[in-house]
Amino acid sequence: MIKWKALAKPRGYGGFGFIDTKAISIALLVKWINKLDIGVENIATKLLHKKYLKGRSFCQSKAGRGGS
């Protein structure tokens, strides 16, 4: 069994060059949170505001029961 860190190394350094999907996921989540907090107006942020935030900022929102 090979460790994920070894697989995620660039090919030039002996790895397979796999992308660290967990790091990418966290980065994209932080990007969405930032867009919600600074007030970017597009259809996706409007939908998220209405469905999940209900007029509050992200930091004031409560954790829901579901994981998504």
PDB file of N, CA and C in Angstrom:
ATOM      1  N   MET A   1       0.855  -1.163   0.000  1.00  0.00           N
ATOM      2  CA  MET A   1       0.000   0.000   0.000  1.00  0.00           C
ATOM      3  C   MET A   1       0.910   1.238   0.000  1.00  0.00           C
ATOM      4  N   ILE A   2       0.563   2.211  -0.831  1.00  0.00           N
ATOM      5  CA  ILE A   2       1.354   3.435  -0.955  1.00  0.00           C
ATOM      6  C   ILE A   2       0.607   4.565  -0.264  1.00  0.00           C
ATOM      7  N   LYS A   3       1.348   5.401   0.450  1.00  0.00           N
ATOM      8  CA  LYS A   3       0.733   6.552   1.122  1.00  0.00           C
ATOM      9  C   LYS A   3       0.297   7.586   0.097  1.00  0.00           C
ATOM     10  N   TRP A   4      -0.804   8.291   0.428  1.00  0.00           N
ATOM     11  CA  TRP A   4      -1.352   9.292  -0.471  1.00  0.00           C
ATOM     12  C   TRP A   4      -0.360  10.413  -0.735  1.00  0.00           C
ATOM     13  N   LYS A   5       0.407  10.803   0.283  1.00  0.00           N
ATOM     14  CA  LYS A   5       1.378  11.893   0.107  1.00  0.00           C
ATOM     15  C   LYS A   5       2.412  11.534  -0.956  1.00  0.00           C
ATOM     16  N   ALA A   6       2.772  10.246  -1.015  1.00  0.00           N
ATOM     17  CA  ALA A   6       3.730   9.811  -2.028  1.00  0.00           C
ATOM     18  C   ALA A   6       3.111   9.872  -3.424  1.00  0.00           C
ATOM     19  N   LEU A   7       1.843   9.544  -3.543  1.00  0.00           N
ATOM     20  CA  LEU A   7       1.164   9.601  -4.839  1.00  0.00           C
ATOM     21  C   LEU A   7       0.927  11.029  -5.297  1.00  0.00           C
ATOM     22  N   ALA A   8       0.730  11.939  -4.341  1.00  0.00           N
ATOM     23  CA  ALA A   8       0.412  13.325  -4.676  1.00  0.00           C
ATOM     24  C   ALA A   8       1.651  14.143  -5.026  1.00  0.00           C
ATOM     25  N   LYS A   9       2.833  13.593  -4.842  1.00  0.00           N
ATOM     26  CA  LYS A   9       4.053  14.322  -5.214  1.00  0.00           C
ATOM     27  C   LYS A   9       4.080  14.537  -6.720  1.00  0.00           C
ATOM     28  N   PRO A  10       4.682  15.642  -7.157  1.00  0.00           N
ATOM     29  CA  PRO A  10       4.826  15.848  -8.599  1.00  0.00           C
ATOM     30  C   PRO A  10       5.662  14.734  -9.234  1.00  0.00           C
ATOM     31  N   ARG A  11       5.435  14.475 -10.501  1.00  0.00           N
ATOM     32  CA  ARG A  11       6.142  13.395 -11.193  1.00  0.00           C
ATOM     33  C   ARG A  11       7.656  13.584 -11.166  1.00  0.00           C
ATOM     34  N   GLY A  12       8.094  14.809 -11.228  1.00  0.00           N
ATOM     35  CA  GLY A  12       9.527  15.092 -11.215  1.00  0.00           C
ATOM     36  C   GLY A  12      10.205  14.732  -9.902  1.00  0.00           C
ATOM     37  N   TYR A  13       9.423  14.558  -8.855  1.00  0.00           N
ATOM     38  CA  TYR A  13       9.954  14.221  -7.537  1.00  0.00           C
ATOM     39  C   TYR A  13       9.619  12.789  -7.129  1.00  0.00           C
ATOM     40  N   GLY A  14       9.255  11.936  -8.079  1.00  0.00           N
ATOM     41  CA  GLY A  14       9.039  10.535  -7.792  1.00  0.00           C
ATOM     42  C   GLY A  14       7.608  10.140  -7.484  1.00  0.00           C
ATOM     43  N   GLY A  15       6.664  11.048  -7.588  1.00  0.00           N
ATOM     44  CA  GLY A  15       5.261  10.718  -7.334  1.00  0.00           C
ATOM     45  C   GLY A  15       4.500  10.514  -8.631  1.00  0.00           C
ATOM     46  N   PHE A  16       3.207  10.389  -8.526  1.00  0.00           N
ATOM     47  CA  PHE A  16       2.363  10.210  -9.700  1.00  0.00           C
ATOM     48  C   PHE A  16       1.680  11.508 -10.129  1.00  0.00           C
ATOM     49  N   GLY A  17       1.809  12.548  -9.353  1.00  0.00           N
ATOM     50  CA  GLY A  17       1.233  13.839  -9.715  1.00  0.00           C
ATOM     51  C   GLY A  17      -0.256  13.959  -9.462  1.00  0.00           C
ATOM     52  N   PHE A  18      -0.816  13.100  -8.588  1.00  0.00           N
ATOM     53  CA  PHE A  18      -2.238  13.190  -8.258  1.00  0.00           C
ATOM     54  C   PHE A  18      -2.516  14.492  -7.526  1.00  0.00           C
ATOM     55  N   ILE A  19      -3.691  15.033  -7.739  1.00  0.00           N
ATOM     56  CA  ILE A  19      -4.097  16.273  -7.086  1.00  0.00           C
ATOM     57  C   ILE A  19      -4.643  15.943  -5.700  1.00  0.00           C
ATOM     58  N   ASP A  20      -4.270  16.751  -4.715  1.00  0.00           N
ATOM     59  CA  ASP A  20      -4.785  16.579  -3.357  1.00  0.00           C
ATOM     60  C   ASP A  20      -6.200  17.137  -3.322  1.00  0.00           C
ATOM     61  N   THR A  21      -7.193  16.277  -3.517  1.00  0.00           N
ATOM     62  CA  THR A  21      -8.574  16.715  -3.641  1.00  0.00           C
ATOM     63  C   THR A  21      -9.124  17.302  -2.351  1.00  0.00           C
ATOM     64  N   LYS A  22      -8.631  16.853  -1.210  1.00  0.00           N
ATOM     65  CA  LYS A  22      -9.102  17.404   0.058  1.00  0.00           C
ATOM     66  C   LYS A  22      -8.699  18.878   0.173  1.00  0.00           C
ATOM     67  N   ALA A  23      -7.465  19.190  -0.184  1.00  0.00           N
ATOM     68  CA  ALA A  23      -6.996  20.583  -0.130  1.00  0.00           C
ATOM     69  C   ALA A  23      -7.760  21.456  -1.125  1.00  0.00           C
ATOM     70  N   ILE A  24      -8.034  20.929  -2.311  1.00  0.00           N
ATOM     71  CA  ILE A  24      -8.789  21.672  -3.319  1.00  0.00           C
ATOM     72  C   ILE A  24     -10.206  21.930  -2.824  1.00  0.00           C
ATOM     73  N   SER A  25     -10.826  20.914  -2.206  1.00  0.00           N
ATOM     74  CA  SER A  25     -12.187  21.056  -1.682  1.00  0.00           C
ATOM     75  C   SER A  25     -12.264  22.139  -0.607  1.00  0.00           C
ATOM     76  N   ILE A  26     -11.313  22.128   0.306  1.00  0.00           N
ATOM     77  CA  ILE A  26     -11.292  23.124   1.379  1.00  0.00           C
ATOM     78  C   ILE A  26     -11.092  24.519   0.797  1.00  0.00           C
ATOM     79  N   ALA A  27     -10.211  24.644  -0.180  1.00  0.00           N
ATOM     80  CA  ALA A  27      -9.965  25.949  -0.803  1.00  0.00           C
ATOM     81  C   ALA A  27     -11.220  26.476  -1.494  1.00  0.00           C
ATOM     82  N   LEU A  28     -11.943  25.603  -2.194  1.00  0.00           N
ATOM     83  CA  LEU A  28     -13.166  26.040  -2.870  1.00  0.00           C
ATOM     84  C   LEU A  28     -14.258  26.410  -1.871  1.00  0.00           C
ATOM     85  N   LEU A  29     -14.345  25.663  -0.772  1.00  0.00           N
ATOM     86  CA  LEU A  29     -15.327  25.982   0.265  1.00  0.00           C
ATOM     87  C   LEU A  29     -15.044  27.351   0.875  1.00  0.00           C
ATOM     88  N   VAL A  30     -13.791  27.632   1.156  1.00  0.00           N
ATOM     89  CA  VAL A  30     -13.411  28.939   1.711  1.00  0.00           C
ATOM     90  C   VAL A  30     -13.716  30.049   0.699  1.00  0.00           C
ATOM     91  N   LYS A  31     -13.518  29.764  -0.579  1.00  0.00           N
ATOM     92  CA  LYS A  31     -13.829  30.756  -1.607  1.00  0.00           C
ATOM     93  C   LYS A  31     -15.327  31.077  -1.623  1.00  0.00           C
ATOM     94  N   TRP A  32     -16.195  30.045  -1.486  1.00  0.00           N
ATOM     95  CA  TRP A  32     -17.640  30.266  -1.435  1.00  0.00           C
ATOM     96  C   TRP A  32     -18.047  31.036  -0.189  1.00  0.00           C
ATOM     97  N   ILE A  33     -17.452  30.700   0.942  1.00  0.00           N
ATOM     98  CA  ILE A  33     -17.759  31.411   2.186  1.00  0.00           C
ATOM     99  C   ILE A  33     -17.391  32.888   2.037  1.00  0.00           C
ATOM    100  N   ASN A  34     -16.245  33.151   1.429  1.00  0.00           N
ATOM    101  CA  ASN A  34     -15.820  34.533   1.212  1.00  0.00           C
ATOM    102  C   ASN A  34     -16.809  35.270   0.311  1.00  0.00           C
ATOM    103  N   LYS A  35     -17.243  34.615  -0.766  1.00  0.00           N
ATOM    104  CA  LYS A  35     -18.214  35.251  -1.666  1.00  0.00           C
ATOM    105  C   LYS A  35     -19.519  35.561  -0.936  1.00  0.00           C
ATOM    106  N   LEU A  36     -19.955  34.658  -0.065  1.00  0.00           N
ATOM    107  CA  LEU A  36     -21.185  34.891   0.684  1.00  0.00           C
ATOM    108  C   LEU A  36     -21.028  36.050   1.660  1.00  0.00           C
ATOM    109  N   ASP A  37     -19.873  36.143   2.301  1.00  0.00           N
ATOM    110  CA  ASP A  37     -19.667  37.190   3.303  1.00  0.00           C
ATOM    111  C   ASP A  37     -19.456  38.575   2.704  1.00  0.00           C
ATOM    112  N   ILE A  38     -18.778  38.664   1.564  1.00  0.00           N
ATOM    113  CA  ILE A  38     -18.530  39.993   1.003  1.00  0.00           C
ATOM    114  C   ILE A  38     -19.712  40.489   0.176  1.00  0.00           C
ATOM    115  N   GLY A  39     -20.674  39.602  -0.103  1.00  0.00           N
ATOM    116  CA  GLY A  39     -21.893  40.042  -0.768  1.00  0.00           C
ATOM    117  C   GLY A  39     -21.859  40.014  -2.275  1.00  0.00           C
ATOM    118  N   VAL A  40     -21.144  39.075  -2.853  1.00  0.00           N
ATOM    119  CA  VAL A  40     -21.151  38.935  -4.306  1.00  0.00           C
ATOM    120  C   VAL A  40     -22.563  38.570  -4.749  1.00  0.00           C
ATOM    121  N   GLU A  41     -23.077  39.283  -5.719  1.00  0.00           N
ATOM    122  CA  GLU A  41     -24.448  39.065  -6.190  1.00  0.00           C
ATOM    123  C   GLU A  41     -24.443  38.249  -7.478  1.00  0.00           C
ATOM    124  N   ASN A  42     -24.725  36.974  -7.379  1.00  0.00           N
ATOM    125  CA  ASN A  42     -24.984  36.141  -8.550  1.00  0.00           C
ATOM    126  C   ASN A  42     -26.037  35.115  -8.163  1.00  0.00           C
ATOM    127  N   ILE A  43     -26.479  34.338  -9.108  1.00  0.00           N
ATOM    128  CA  ILE A  43     -27.606  33.443  -8.854  1.00  0.00           C
ATOM    129  C   ILE A  43     -27.272  32.388  -7.791  1.00  0.00           C
ATOM    130  N   ALA A  44     -26.034  31.902  -7.781  1.00  0.00           N
ATOM    131  CA  ALA A  44     -25.653  30.871  -6.808  1.00  0.00           C
ATOM    132  C   ALA A  44     -25.642  31.425  -5.388  1.00  0.00           C
ATOM    133  N   THR A  45     -25.074  32.602  -5.188  1.00  0.00           N
ATOM    134  CA  THR A  45     -25.029  33.161  -3.841  1.00  0.00           C
ATOM    135  C   THR A  45     -26.421  33.569  -3.363  1.00  0.00           C
ATOM    136  N   LYS A  46     -27.261  34.040  -4.282  1.00  0.00           N
ATOM    137  CA  LYS A  46     -28.643  34.370  -3.901  1.00  0.00           C
ATOM    138  C   LYS A  46     -29.374  33.117  -3.426  1.00  0.00           C
ATOM    139  N   LEU A  47     -29.197  32.021  -4.146  1.00  0.00           N
ATOM    140  CA  LEU A  47     -29.826  30.759  -3.777  1.00  0.00           C
ATOM    141  C   LEU A  47     -29.332  30.276  -2.412  1.00  0.00           C
ATOM    142  N   LEU A  48     -28.037  30.321  -2.191  1.00  0.00           N
ATOM    143  CA  LEU A  48     -27.476  29.881  -0.904  1.00  0.00           C
ATOM    144  C   LEU A  48     -27.955  30.766   0.244  1.00  0.00           C
ATOM    145  N   HIS A  49     -28.033  32.077  -0.003  1.00  0.00           N
ATOM    146  CA  HIS A  49     -28.523  32.991   1.031  1.00  0.00           C
ATOM    147  C   HIS A  49     -29.957  32.670   1.414  1.00  0.00           C
ATOM    148  N   LYS A  50     -30.811  32.476   0.407  1.00  0.00           N
ATOM    149  CA  LYS A  50     -32.222  32.219   0.693  1.00  0.00           C
ATOM    150  C   LYS A  50     -32.441  30.859   1.339  1.00  0.00           C
ATOM    151  N   LYS A  51     -31.720  29.848   0.872  1.00  0.00           N
ATOM    152  CA  LYS A  51     -31.959  28.493   1.356  1.00  0.00           C
ATOM    153  C   LYS A  51     -31.330  28.231   2.721  1.00  0.00           C
ATOM    154  N   TYR A  52     -30.117  28.698   2.925  1.00  0.00           N
ATOM    155  CA  TYR A  52     -29.383  28.316   4.132  1.00  0.00           C
ATOM    156  C   TYR A  52     -29.171  29.442   5.138  1.00  0.00           C
ATOM    157  N   LEU A  53     -28.906  30.640   4.654  1.00  0.00           N
ATOM    158  CA  LEU A  53     -28.529  31.719   5.580  1.00  0.00           C
ATOM    159  C   LEU A  53     -29.715  32.520   6.086  1.00  0.00           C
ATOM    160  N   LYS A  54     -30.767  32.631   5.299  1.00  0.00           N
ATOM    161  CA  LYS A  54     -31.998  33.321   5.693  1.00  0.00           C
ATOM    162  C   LYS A  54     -31.742  34.726   6.250  1.00  0.00           C
ATOM    163  N   GLY A  55     -30.970  35.520   5.492  1.00  0.00           N
ATOM    164  CA  GLY A  55     -30.755  36.911   5.861  1.00  0.00           C
ATOM    165  C   GLY A  55     -29.600  37.160   6.822  1.00  0.00           C
ATOM    166  N   ARG A  56     -28.928  36.127   7.276  1.00  0.00           N
ATOM    167  CA  ARG A  56     -27.790  36.296   8.190  1.00  0.00           C
ATOM    168  C   ARG A  56     -26.488  36.146   7.425  1.00  0.00           C
ATOM    169  N   SER A  57     -25.397  36.525   8.055  1.00  0.00           N
ATOM    170  CA  SER A  57     -24.096  36.282   7.444  1.00  0.00           C
ATOM    171  C   SER A  57     -23.698  34.838   7.731  1.00  0.00           C
ATOM    172  N   PHE A  58     -22.673  34.378   7.071  1.00  0.00           N
ATOM    173  CA  PHE A  58     -22.236  32.992   7.255  1.00  0.00           C
ATOM    174  C   PHE A  58     -21.822  32.721   8.703  1.00  0.00           C
ATOM    175  N   CYS A  59     -21.153  33.678   9.313  1.00  0.00           N
ATOM    176  CA  CYS A  59     -20.675  33.496  10.694  1.00  0.00           C
ATOM    177  C   CYS A  59     -21.812  33.448  11.704  1.00  0.00           C
ATOM    178  N   GLN A  60     -22.958  33.997  11.359  1.00  0.00           N
ATOM    179  CA  GLN A  60     -24.110  33.988  12.252  1.00  0.00           C
ATOM    180  C   GLN A  60     -25.022  32.792  12.014  1.00  0.00           C
ATOM    181  N   SER A  61     -24.750  32.027  10.986  1.00  0.00           N
ATOM    182  CA  SER A  61     -25.621  30.891  10.661  1.00  0.00           C
ATOM    183  C   SER A  61     -25.406  29.751  11.653  1.00  0.00           C
ATOM    184  N   LYS A  62     -26.409  28.904  11.758  1.00  0.00           N
ATOM    185  CA  LYS A  62     -26.355  27.758  12.661  1.00  0.00           C
ATOM    186  C   LYS A  62     -26.078  26.498  11.865  1.00  0.00           C
ATOM    187  N   ALA A  63     -25.413  25.547  12.503  1.00  0.00           N
ATOM    188  CA  ALA A  63     -25.140  24.279  11.853  1.00  0.00           C
ATOM    189  C   ALA A  63     -26.437  23.527  11.663  1.00  0.00           C
ATOM    190  N   GLY A  64     -26.628  22.991  10.480  1.00  0.00           N
ATOM    191  CA  GLY A  64     -27.836  22.219  10.190  1.00  0.00           C
ATOM    192  C   GLY A  64     -27.681  20.768  10.611  1.00  0.00           C
ATOM    193  N   ARG A  65     -28.725  20.032  10.408  1.00  0.00           N
ATOM    194  CA  ARG A  65     -28.695  18.608  10.764  1.00  0.00           C
ATOM    195  C   ARG A  65     -27.956  17.792   9.718  1.00  0.00           C
ATOM    196  N   GLY A  66     -28.084  18.164   8.473  1.00  0.00           N
ATOM    197  CA  GLY A  66     -27.460  17.394   7.392  1.00  0.00           C
ATOM    198  C   GLY A  66     -26.018  17.783   7.173  1.00  0.00           C
ATOM    199  N   GLY A  67     -25.308  16.963   6.434  1.00  0.00           N
ATOM    200  CA  GLY A  67     -23.903  17.234   6.169  1.00  0.00           C
ATOM    201  C   GLY A  67     -23.683  18.070   4.926  1.00  0.00           C
ATOM    202  N   SER A  68     -24.717  18.264   4.118  1.00  0.00           N
ATOM    203  CA  SER A  68     -24.495  19.009   2.877  1.00  0.00           C
ATOM    204  C   SER A  68     -25.066  20.411   2.967  1.00  0.00           C
TER     205      SER A  68
END
